[in-house]
Amino acid sequence: MTSSGQASKEWGDIGVSNEVFESIALICTQKIAGVVGIESSEGLVDSLSKVWGRGEAARGVKVTTIEDDVAIDMTVIMKEGFPIPQVAEHIQREVKSVVEEMTGQSVQSVNILVADLQPAAAEAELIPPS
């Protein structure tokens, strides 16, 4: 696990791994209306409930760190009927705000790729009932 976003402290260095940035981004996205899932790097759709389970990799999120700046790329599946620009902007604002607040690192960009739209009727098949 590579450490990134290191800040020098009086008692030693503190680093935040890219996996932590990925987890924060996923948790933020879970709360946003209109987002159904995350597309994995293999092109397969993972429902949010699967992605957030323990042991699952944050495959639809890629984090790049350069010095003290963080760039986050997310590939999302949205629900039909929600305005793509507004939902994507909401994801960007929320992820940037929470990552910066929780880690103290500057988020340079949050790039959103909407890979697919999920019809409202198909949502019941993708996300299991509670």
N, C-alpha and C. Protein backbone atom coordinates (compact mmCIF):
# COMPACT_ATOMS: atom_id res chain seq x y z
N MET A 1 0.86 -1.17 0.00
CA MET A 1 0.00 0.00 0.00
C MET A 1 0.90 1.23 0.00
N THR A 2 0.73 2.07 -1.01
CA THR A 2 1.55 3.25 -1.16
C THR A 2 0.96 4.39 -0.35
N SER A 3 1.80 5.09 0.36
CA SER A 3 1.35 6.22 1.15
C SER A 3 1.44 7.49 0.32
N SER A 4 0.44 8.31 0.41
CA SER A 4 0.44 9.56 -0.33
C SER A 4 -0.13 10.65 0.55
N GLY A 5 -0.05 11.88 0.08
CA GLY A 5 -0.61 12.98 0.84
C GLY A 5 0.02 13.11 2.20
N GLN A 6 1.34 13.05 2.28
CA GLN A 6 2.01 13.10 3.57
C GLN A 6 2.15 14.53 4.06
N ALA A 7 1.93 14.72 5.34
CA ALA A 7 2.08 16.03 5.97
C ALA A 7 3.08 15.87 7.11
N SER A 8 4.02 16.78 7.21
CA SER A 8 5.01 16.71 8.27
C SER A 8 4.40 17.23 9.57
N LYS A 9 4.55 16.47 10.64
CA LYS A 9 4.01 16.84 11.94
C LYS A 9 5.15 16.87 12.96
N GLU A 10 4.87 17.47 14.08
CA GLU A 10 5.88 17.60 15.13
C GLU A 10 6.42 16.25 15.58
N TRP A 11 5.57 15.21 15.65
CA TRP A 11 5.98 13.90 16.16
C TRP A 11 6.32 12.90 15.05
N GLY A 12 6.18 13.30 13.80
CA GLY A 12 6.46 12.39 12.69
C GLY A 12 5.54 12.69 11.52
N ASP A 13 5.67 11.90 10.51
CA ASP A 13 4.87 12.09 9.30
C ASP A 13 3.55 11.35 9.40
N ILE A 14 2.54 11.92 8.73
CA ILE A 14 1.23 11.29 8.63
C ILE A 14 0.94 11.14 7.15
N GLY A 15 0.62 9.93 6.73
CA GLY A 15 0.30 9.67 5.32
C GLY A 15 -1.09 9.10 5.19
N VAL A 16 -1.71 9.36 4.06
CA VAL A 16 -3.03 8.82 3.76
C VAL A 16 -2.91 8.02 2.48
N SER A 17 -3.30 6.74 2.51
CA SER A 17 -3.17 5.89 1.32
C SER A 17 -4.25 6.24 0.30
N ASN A 18 -3.98 5.91 -0.94
CA ASN A 18 -4.96 6.14 -2.01
C ASN A 18 -6.25 5.39 -1.74
N GLU A 19 -6.16 4.24 -1.08
CA GLU A 19 -7.36 3.46 -0.77
C GLU A 19 -8.30 4.23 0.17
N VAL A 20 -7.74 5.03 1.06
CA VAL A 20 -8.58 5.84 1.95
C VAL A 20 -9.30 6.92 1.15
N PHE A 21 -8.59 7.58 0.23
CA PHE A 21 -9.25 8.57 -0.63
C PHE A 21 -10.38 7.91 -1.43
N GLU A 22 -10.12 6.70 -1.95
CA GLU A 22 -11.14 5.97 -2.71
C GLU A 22 -12.35 5.66 -1.84
N SER A 23 -12.12 5.20 -0.63
CA SER A 23 -13.23 4.87 0.28
C SER A 23 -14.06 6.10 0.61
N ILE A 24 -13.41 7.21 0.87
CA ILE A 24 -14.14 8.44 1.18
C ILE A 24 -15.00 8.84 -0.01
N ALA A 25 -14.44 8.77 -1.22
CA ALA A 25 -15.19 9.14 -2.43
C ALA A 25 -16.41 8.24 -2.61
N LEU A 26 -16.25 6.95 -2.36
CA LEU A 26 -17.38 6.03 -2.49
C LEU A 26 -18.47 6.30 -1.45
N ILE A 27 -18.07 6.55 -0.23
CA ILE A 27 -19.04 6.83 0.83
C ILE A 27 -19.83 8.09 0.50
N CYS A 28 -19.15 9.12 0.01
CA CYS A 28 -19.83 10.36 -0.38
C CYS A 28 -20.83 10.11 -1.50
N THR A 29 -20.44 9.31 -2.48
CA THR A 29 -21.27 9.05 -3.65
C THR A 29 -22.51 8.26 -3.28
N GLN A 30 -22.39 7.40 -2.28
CA GLN A 30 -23.51 6.57 -1.83
C GLN A 30 -24.70 7.43 -1.40
N LYS A 31 -24.43 8.61 -0.89
CA LYS A 31 -25.48 9.47 -0.33
C LYS A 31 -26.17 10.34 -1.37
N ILE A 32 -25.73 10.29 -2.61
CA ILE A 32 -26.23 11.22 -3.63
C ILE A 32 -27.35 10.58 -4.46
N ALA A 33 -28.50 11.25 -4.46
CA ALA A 33 -29.65 10.76 -5.22
C ALA A 33 -29.31 10.74 -6.71
N GLY A 34 -29.72 9.67 -7.36
CA GLY A 34 -29.51 9.54 -8.80
C GLY A 34 -28.34 8.64 -9.16
N VAL A 35 -27.48 8.32 -8.18
CA VAL A 35 -26.36 7.42 -8.44
C VAL A 35 -26.79 6.01 -8.06
N VAL A 36 -26.69 5.09 -9.03
CA VAL A 36 -27.11 3.72 -8.81
C VAL A 36 -25.92 2.81 -8.51
N GLY A 37 -24.80 3.06 -9.16
CA GLY A 37 -23.66 2.18 -8.97
C GLY A 37 -22.38 2.78 -9.49
N ILE A 38 -21.33 1.98 -9.39
CA ILE A 38 -20.00 2.35 -9.83
C ILE A 38 -19.57 1.31 -10.85
N GLU A 39 -18.97 1.75 -11.96
CA GLU A 39 -18.49 0.79 -12.95
C GLU A 39 -17.07 0.39 -12.61
N SER A 40 -16.82 -0.89 -12.60
CA SER A 40 -15.48 -1.38 -12.28
C SER A 40 -14.55 -1.18 -13.45
N SER A 41 -13.27 -1.32 -13.19
CA SER A 41 -12.26 -1.15 -14.24
C SER A 41 -12.39 -2.20 -15.33
N GLU A 42 -13.03 -3.33 -15.02
CA GLU A 42 -13.22 -4.38 -16.02
C GLU A 42 -14.46 -4.11 -16.87
N GLY A 43 -15.15 -2.99 -16.61
CA GLY A 43 -16.34 -2.66 -17.38
C GLY A 43 -17.60 -3.29 -16.82
N LEU A 44 -17.51 -3.96 -15.70
CA LEU A 44 -18.68 -4.56 -15.08
C LEU A 44 -19.29 -3.59 -14.10
N VAL A 45 -20.59 -3.62 -13.98
CA VAL A 45 -21.29 -2.72 -13.07
C VAL A 45 -21.40 -3.38 -11.70
N ASP A 46 -20.98 -2.68 -10.67
CA ASP A 46 -21.15 -3.14 -9.30
C ASP A 46 -22.20 -2.27 -8.65
N SER A 47 -23.16 -2.89 -7.99
CA SER A 47 -24.14 -2.09 -7.27
C SER A 47 -23.42 -1.44 -6.09
N LEU A 48 -23.93 -0.32 -5.64
CA LEU A 48 -23.30 0.38 -4.53
C LEU A 48 -23.25 -0.50 -3.29
N SER A 49 -24.26 -1.32 -3.08
CA SER A 49 -24.26 -2.17 -1.90
C SER A 49 -23.11 -3.18 -1.93
N LYS A 50 -22.74 -3.66 -3.11
CA LYS A 50 -21.61 -4.58 -3.23
C LYS A 50 -20.29 -3.85 -3.05
N VAL A 51 -20.16 -2.68 -3.68
CA VAL A 51 -18.91 -1.93 -3.63
C VAL A 51 -18.56 -1.53 -2.22
N TRP A 52 -19.57 -1.17 -1.40
CA TRP A 52 -19.28 -0.69 -0.06
C TRP A 52 -19.15 -1.81 0.97
N GLY A 53 -19.31 -3.04 0.54
CA GLY A 53 -19.12 -4.15 1.48
C GLY A 53 -17.65 -4.30 1.83
N ARG A 54 -17.36 -4.83 2.99
CA ARG A 54 -15.98 -5.03 3.44
C ARG A 54 -15.24 -5.93 2.46
N GLY A 55 -14.00 -5.62 2.20
CA GLY A 55 -13.16 -6.45 1.35
C GLY A 55 -13.30 -6.17 -0.13
N GLU A 56 -14.27 -5.37 -0.52
CA GLU A 56 -14.45 -5.04 -1.93
C GLU A 56 -13.53 -3.89 -2.31
N ALA A 57 -12.92 -3.98 -3.46
CA ALA A 57 -12.04 -2.92 -3.94
C ALA A 57 -12.88 -1.79 -4.51
N ALA A 58 -12.38 -0.60 -4.37
CA ALA A 58 -13.06 0.58 -4.92
C ALA A 58 -12.68 0.70 -6.39
N ARG A 59 -13.17 -0.22 -7.21
CA ARG A 59 -12.70 -0.34 -8.58
C ARG A 59 -13.18 0.77 -9.50
N GLY A 60 -14.26 1.44 -9.19
CA GLY A 60 -14.76 2.51 -10.03
C GLY A 60 -14.18 3.86 -9.68
N VAL A 61 -13.19 3.88 -8.79
CA VAL A 61 -12.55 5.11 -8.35
C VAL A 61 -11.05 4.96 -8.52
N LYS A 62 -10.44 5.95 -9.15
CA LYS A 62 -8.99 5.95 -9.31
C LYS A 62 -8.46 7.26 -8.71
N VAL A 63 -7.47 7.14 -7.85
CA VAL A 63 -6.88 8.30 -7.20
C VAL A 63 -5.45 8.46 -7.66
N THR A 64 -5.10 9.68 -8.02
CA THR A 64 -3.73 10.01 -8.40
C THR A 64 -3.26 11.12 -7.47
N THR A 65 -2.08 10.93 -6.86
CA THR A 65 -1.54 11.95 -5.99
C THR A 65 -0.21 12.44 -6.55
N ILE A 66 -0.09 13.74 -6.62
CA ILE A 66 1.15 14.39 -7.05
C ILE A 66 1.49 15.42 -5.99
N GLU A 67 2.57 15.14 -5.27
CA GLU A 67 2.98 15.97 -4.13
C GLU A 67 1.81 16.05 -3.15
N ASP A 68 1.26 17.24 -2.93
CA ASP A 68 0.17 17.39 -1.96
C ASP A 68 -1.21 17.49 -2.62
N ASP A 69 -1.28 17.31 -3.93
CA ASP A 69 -2.55 17.42 -4.64
C ASP A 69 -3.11 16.04 -4.96
N VAL A 70 -4.42 15.93 -4.87
CA VAL A 70 -5.12 14.67 -5.12
C VAL A 70 -6.06 14.88 -6.30
N ALA A 71 -6.06 13.95 -7.25
CA ALA A 71 -7.01 13.94 -8.36
C ALA A 71 -7.80 12.64 -8.26
N ILE A 72 -9.11 12.73 -8.37
CA ILE A 72 -9.99 11.58 -8.23
C ILE A 72 -10.81 11.42 -9.50
N ASP A 73 -10.75 10.21 -10.08
CA ASP A 73 -11.55 9.87 -11.26
C ASP A 73 -12.58 8.83 -10.85
N MET A 74 -13.85 9.10 -11.16
CA MET A 74 -14.92 8.18 -10.79
C MET A 74 -15.76 7.84 -12.02
N THR A 75 -16.12 6.57 -12.15
CA THR A 75 -16.99 6.11 -13.22
C THR A 75 -18.29 5.63 -12.58
N VAL A 76 -19.38 6.35 -12.84
CA VAL A 76 -20.63 6.09 -12.16
C VAL A 76 -21.73 5.64 -13.11
N ILE A 77 -22.70 4.95 -12.54
CA ILE A 77 -23.93 4.56 -13.23
C ILE A 77 -25.03 5.36 -12.57
N MET A 78 -25.78 6.11 -13.39
CA MET A 78 -26.84 6.95 -12.84
C MET A 78 -28.21 6.37 -13.13
N LYS A 79 -29.17 6.81 -12.33
CA LYS A 79 -30.56 6.40 -12.52
C LYS A 79 -31.20 7.31 -13.57
N GLU A 80 -31.96 6.70 -14.43
CA GLU A 80 -32.71 7.42 -15.45
C GLU A 80 -33.61 8.48 -14.80
N GLY A 81 -33.70 9.65 -15.43
CA GLY A 81 -34.60 10.69 -14.95
C GLY A 81 -33.93 11.75 -14.10
N PHE A 82 -32.69 11.54 -13.71
CA PHE A 82 -31.96 12.54 -12.95
C PHE A 82 -31.08 13.35 -13.90
N PRO A 83 -30.98 14.66 -13.70
CA PRO A 83 -30.15 15.50 -14.58
C PRO A 83 -28.66 15.21 -14.39
N ILE A 84 -28.02 14.71 -15.42
CA ILE A 84 -26.61 14.30 -15.33
C ILE A 84 -25.70 15.44 -14.87
N PRO A 85 -25.76 16.63 -15.46
CA PRO A 85 -24.84 17.69 -15.02
C PRO A 85 -24.98 18.05 -13.54
N GLN A 86 -26.21 18.12 -13.04
CA GLN A 86 -26.41 18.49 -11.64
C GLN A 86 -25.94 17.39 -10.70
N VAL A 87 -26.21 16.13 -11.02
CA VAL A 87 -25.78 15.03 -10.17
C VAL A 87 -24.25 14.93 -10.17
N ALA A 88 -23.64 15.04 -11.35
CA ALA A 88 -22.18 14.97 -11.44
C ALA A 88 -21.53 16.11 -10.65
N GLU A 89 -22.08 17.31 -10.75
CA GLU A 89 -21.55 18.44 -10.00
C GLU A 89 -21.71 18.23 -8.49
N HIS A 90 -22.83 17.65 -8.10
CA HIS A 90 -23.06 17.35 -6.68
C HIS A 90 -22.01 16.36 -6.18
N ILE A 91 -21.72 15.33 -6.96
CA ILE A 91 -20.68 14.37 -6.60
C ILE A 91 -19.34 15.09 -6.45
N GLN A 92 -19.00 15.92 -7.40
CA GLN A 92 -17.72 16.65 -7.37
C GLN A 92 -17.59 17.50 -6.11
N ARG A 93 -18.62 18.30 -5.83
CA ARG A 93 -18.57 19.18 -4.65
C ARG A 93 -18.46 18.38 -3.36
N GLU A 94 -19.28 17.34 -3.24
CA GLU A 94 -19.32 16.55 -2.01
C GLU A 94 -18.00 15.80 -1.78
N VAL A 95 -17.49 15.15 -2.82
CA VAL A 95 -16.25 14.39 -2.68
C VAL A 95 -15.09 15.33 -2.34
N LYS A 96 -14.97 16.44 -3.05
CA LYS A 96 -13.89 17.39 -2.79
C LYS A 96 -13.96 17.90 -1.35
N SER A 97 -15.13 18.32 -0.92
CA SER A 97 -15.31 18.88 0.41
C SER A 97 -14.96 17.87 1.50
N VAL A 98 -15.50 16.67 1.41
CA VAL A 98 -15.30 15.69 2.47
C VAL A 98 -13.86 15.17 2.49
N VAL A 99 -13.27 14.91 1.32
CA VAL A 99 -11.88 14.44 1.28
C VAL A 99 -10.96 15.50 1.90
N GLU A 100 -11.14 16.75 1.53
CA GLU A 100 -10.30 17.81 2.08
C GLU A 100 -10.49 17.95 3.58
N GLU A 101 -11.74 17.87 4.04
CA GLU A 101 -12.02 18.00 5.46
C GLU A 101 -11.43 16.84 6.26
N MET A 102 -11.57 15.63 5.75
CA MET A 102 -11.13 14.45 6.51
C MET A 102 -9.63 14.22 6.47
N THR A 103 -8.98 14.61 5.35
CA THR A 103 -7.55 14.29 5.20
C THR A 103 -6.63 15.50 5.30
N GLY A 104 -7.17 16.70 5.12
CA GLY A 104 -6.34 17.89 5.12
C GLY A 104 -5.57 18.07 3.82
N GLN A 105 -5.84 17.22 2.83
CA GLN A 105 -5.16 17.30 1.54
C GLN A 105 -6.01 18.09 0.54
N SER A 106 -5.35 18.79 -0.36
CA SER A 106 -6.03 19.56 -1.39
C SER A 106 -6.46 18.64 -2.53
N VAL A 107 -7.74 18.74 -2.91
CA VAL A 107 -8.25 17.96 -4.04
C VAL A 107 -8.21 18.86 -5.26
N GLN A 108 -7.34 18.50 -6.19
CA GLN A 108 -7.16 19.28 -7.42
C GLN A 108 -8.36 19.13 -8.34
N SER A 109 -8.86 17.88 -8.49
CA SER A 109 -10.00 17.65 -9.37
C SER A 109 -10.75 16.38 -8.97
N VAL A 110 -12.04 16.39 -9.27
CA VAL A 110 -12.88 15.20 -9.16
C VAL A 110 -13.54 15.05 -10.52
N ASN A 111 -13.05 14.09 -11.30
CA ASN A 111 -13.53 13.87 -12.65
C ASN A 111 -14.58 12.76 -12.65
N ILE A 112 -15.73 13.05 -13.26
CA ILE A 112 -16.83 12.10 -13.28
C ILE A 112 -17.08 11.65 -14.71
N LEU A 113 -17.10 10.34 -14.90
CA LEU A 113 -17.51 9.76 -16.18
C LEU A 113 -18.81 9.00 -15.91
N VAL A 114 -19.89 9.42 -16.58
CA VAL A 114 -21.15 8.69 -16.47
C VAL A 114 -21.10 7.61 -17.54
N ALA A 115 -20.98 6.37 -17.10
CA ALA A 115 -20.79 5.25 -18.02
C ALA A 115 -22.09 4.68 -18.55
N ASP A 116 -23.18 4.86 -17.79
CA ASP A 116 -24.45 4.27 -18.21
C ASP A 116 -25.58 4.89 -17.42
N LEU A 117 -26.79 4.76 -17.97
CA LEU A 117 -28.01 5.14 -17.26
C LEU A 117 -28.79 3.88 -16.98
N GLN A 118 -29.23 3.72 -15.77
CA GLN A 118 -29.99 2.54 -15.37
C GLN A 118 -31.47 2.90 -15.39
N PRO A 119 -32.27 2.19 -16.18
CA PRO A 119 -33.71 2.47 -16.17
C PRO A 119 -34.28 2.28 -14.76
N ALA A 120 -35.25 3.08 -14.41
CA ALA A 120 -35.83 3.03 -13.07
C ALA A 120 -36.36 1.64 -12.74
N ALA A 121 -36.95 0.93 -13.70
CA ALA A 121 -37.50 -0.40 -13.45
C ALA A 121 -36.40 -1.41 -13.17
N ALA A 122 -35.22 -1.24 -13.73
CA ALA A 122 -34.13 -2.19 -13.56
C ALA A 122 -33.40 -2.01 -12.23
N GLU A 123 -33.65 -0.91 -11.53
CA GLU A 123 -32.97 -0.64 -10.27
C GLU A 123 -33.24 -1.74 -9.24
N ALA A 124 -34.45 -2.26 -9.22
CA ALA A 124 -34.80 -3.30 -8.26
C ALA A 124 -33.94 -4.53 -8.46
N GLU A 125 -33.54 -4.82 -9.71
CA GLU A 125 -32.69 -5.97 -9.99
C GLU A 125 -31.25 -5.71 -9.56
N LEU A 126 -30.79 -4.46 -9.65
CA LEU A 126 -29.39 -4.13 -9.39
C LEU A 126 -29.10 -4.04 -7.90
N ILE A 127 -29.97 -3.42 -7.14
CA ILE A 127 -29.74 -3.23 -5.71
C ILE A 127 -30.73 -4.12 -4.94
N PRO A 128 -30.22 -5.08 -4.18
CA PRO A 128 -31.12 -5.95 -3.43
C PRO A 128 -31.90 -5.19 -2.36
N PRO A 129 -33.12 -5.61 -2.07
CA PRO A 129 -33.91 -4.93 -1.04
C PRO A 129 -33.28 -5.06 0.33
N SER A 130 -33.56 -4.08 1.18
CA SER A 130 -32.99 -4.07 2.53
C SER A 130 -33.59 -5.12 3.42
